[in-house]
Amino acid sequence: MNATTTRGALLAALACVLVGGSFTANSVLGDYPYAGGQFLRYALAFLLLVPLAGPGATARLRALGAGRWLRLALLAAVGMVGFNLAVLAAERTAEPAVPGVFVGCAPVVVAVVVPLMDGRRPQRVVLYGALLVAVGAFTVQGWGRTDAAGIAFSVCALAGEVGFAVLAVPVLRPLGPRLLSATVCGVAAVESAAVGVLADGDAWLPRPDAVEAGALLWQAAVVTVVGFVCWYMGMQRIGAERATLFSGLIPVAAACSAPLVGTGEYGAAQAVGSALVCAGVAAGSGASLRLRRRTAGAVPPGHGTGAGGSKTSSRRQVALDPSSERR
C-alpha cells in the first residue's frame, strides 16, 4: 500500500470513528428541535470551514454549472439533513440498532452503484469486503424491535448514507475536500432553516442550554469540520467504493465508546463484529492482498547473492507489487 493509499485509508477511518463516537452527543439533543439543531451545527461548521476553503474558492464555485449546484443541493438534502431526519424518525418506532443495520449495508450498495455509474463492473474484492463489513456491522449492533415505519425510514437512512458518498463524486475534484465540505454545510444550514420554519414555526430555534450547546459545538467543530474534510480527503485518494468500506467502523466506534459513558457494554458479539468489519475493510481495500504479495516477494537472508541474484529479486518484487514502480 503506497503512501497516498495509506493516508486515504487513515483519513476515511478517522472520519468514521469520529461519527461513531458522536452518538453520545446525539443522545443529549433528544429534546432540542431537530431542524434547529441541524441549522446550528451546519451553520457553525460553515463559518469554521470558510477560512480553510483555499484560494480561488469563489472562482471555482462560479465555474460550477446548474447541474452541479443541483447535485450539491441533493447531497446536502439527502446525505446530511435527510439522513439525520430519517434516523430520528426510524428510532421513534424502532430500536437504534435497526437503522444502524441498514446503514451498515451502505458499502455493499456503493460497491455496486459507483462502478455502474462509471460504466464498469463492480470489483469482486471490494464487493466481498463490503459484504463482510455489513455482516460485521450487523453482528456489532444486533437486531431490535421495529415495525413497517421503522424499516421504511431505515431504508431512507441507507439511501442518505449512500447519497453522501455517491453524489459527491463528480464535484469532489473541481471543489476539493475543504471547499466541498464548506459548501454543502452552507447549503445544509439553509435547508435545515427552511425545514425548521415549516415544521416548528417560531419555536424552531430555541436557546440551547449548556449541555446542548456543548454537544452542538462538538458536532460542528469535530464531527462535521474535521470529519467531513477527512472523509472527502480520504475519498479523493482511494475512491468512493473503498472509502465507504470504512463506514463499518461507525458502529464499532459507537460500541467501543458506549461503555466509557455508561450507555452500553462491549461483549463477545461486539468483539466478533469488530473483527469482521476490520477483516472486510482489509480485504476490500486491498491491504491484505498487498501484504501477501510483499511477503511472497521478500527474499530470505543469504539468498539472491549469486550472479544476477539481486536483479532477479528486484524484478520479482516489481512484478508482485506494481506500486513499487511508482515509488
Foldseek 3Di string as FASTA:
>chain_A
DDPLLVLLQVLLLQLLLLLLLLVVLVVVCPPAFLLQLLLLQLVLLLVVLVVVQDPPQVVLVVPDDPVLVVLLLCLLVQQPSLLVVLQVQLVVFFPSLLLQLLLLLLLLVLLQPVQVVVVHGRDPLLNVLSVLLSVLSCLQRPGTGGDPSSNVSSNSNNRNNNSNLRSCVVVCVSRPQSSSLSVSSVSNSVVSVVVQCVPPNPSSHDDDDPSNVVSSCSCRPPNRNSSSSSLSSSCVRQNSSLSSLSNSCSSLSNQVCCVVVVNHHCDDSSVVSVVSSVVSSCRNSVVVVLVVLVVVLDDDPPFLPDVCRVVVSVVSSCVSPVCVVVD
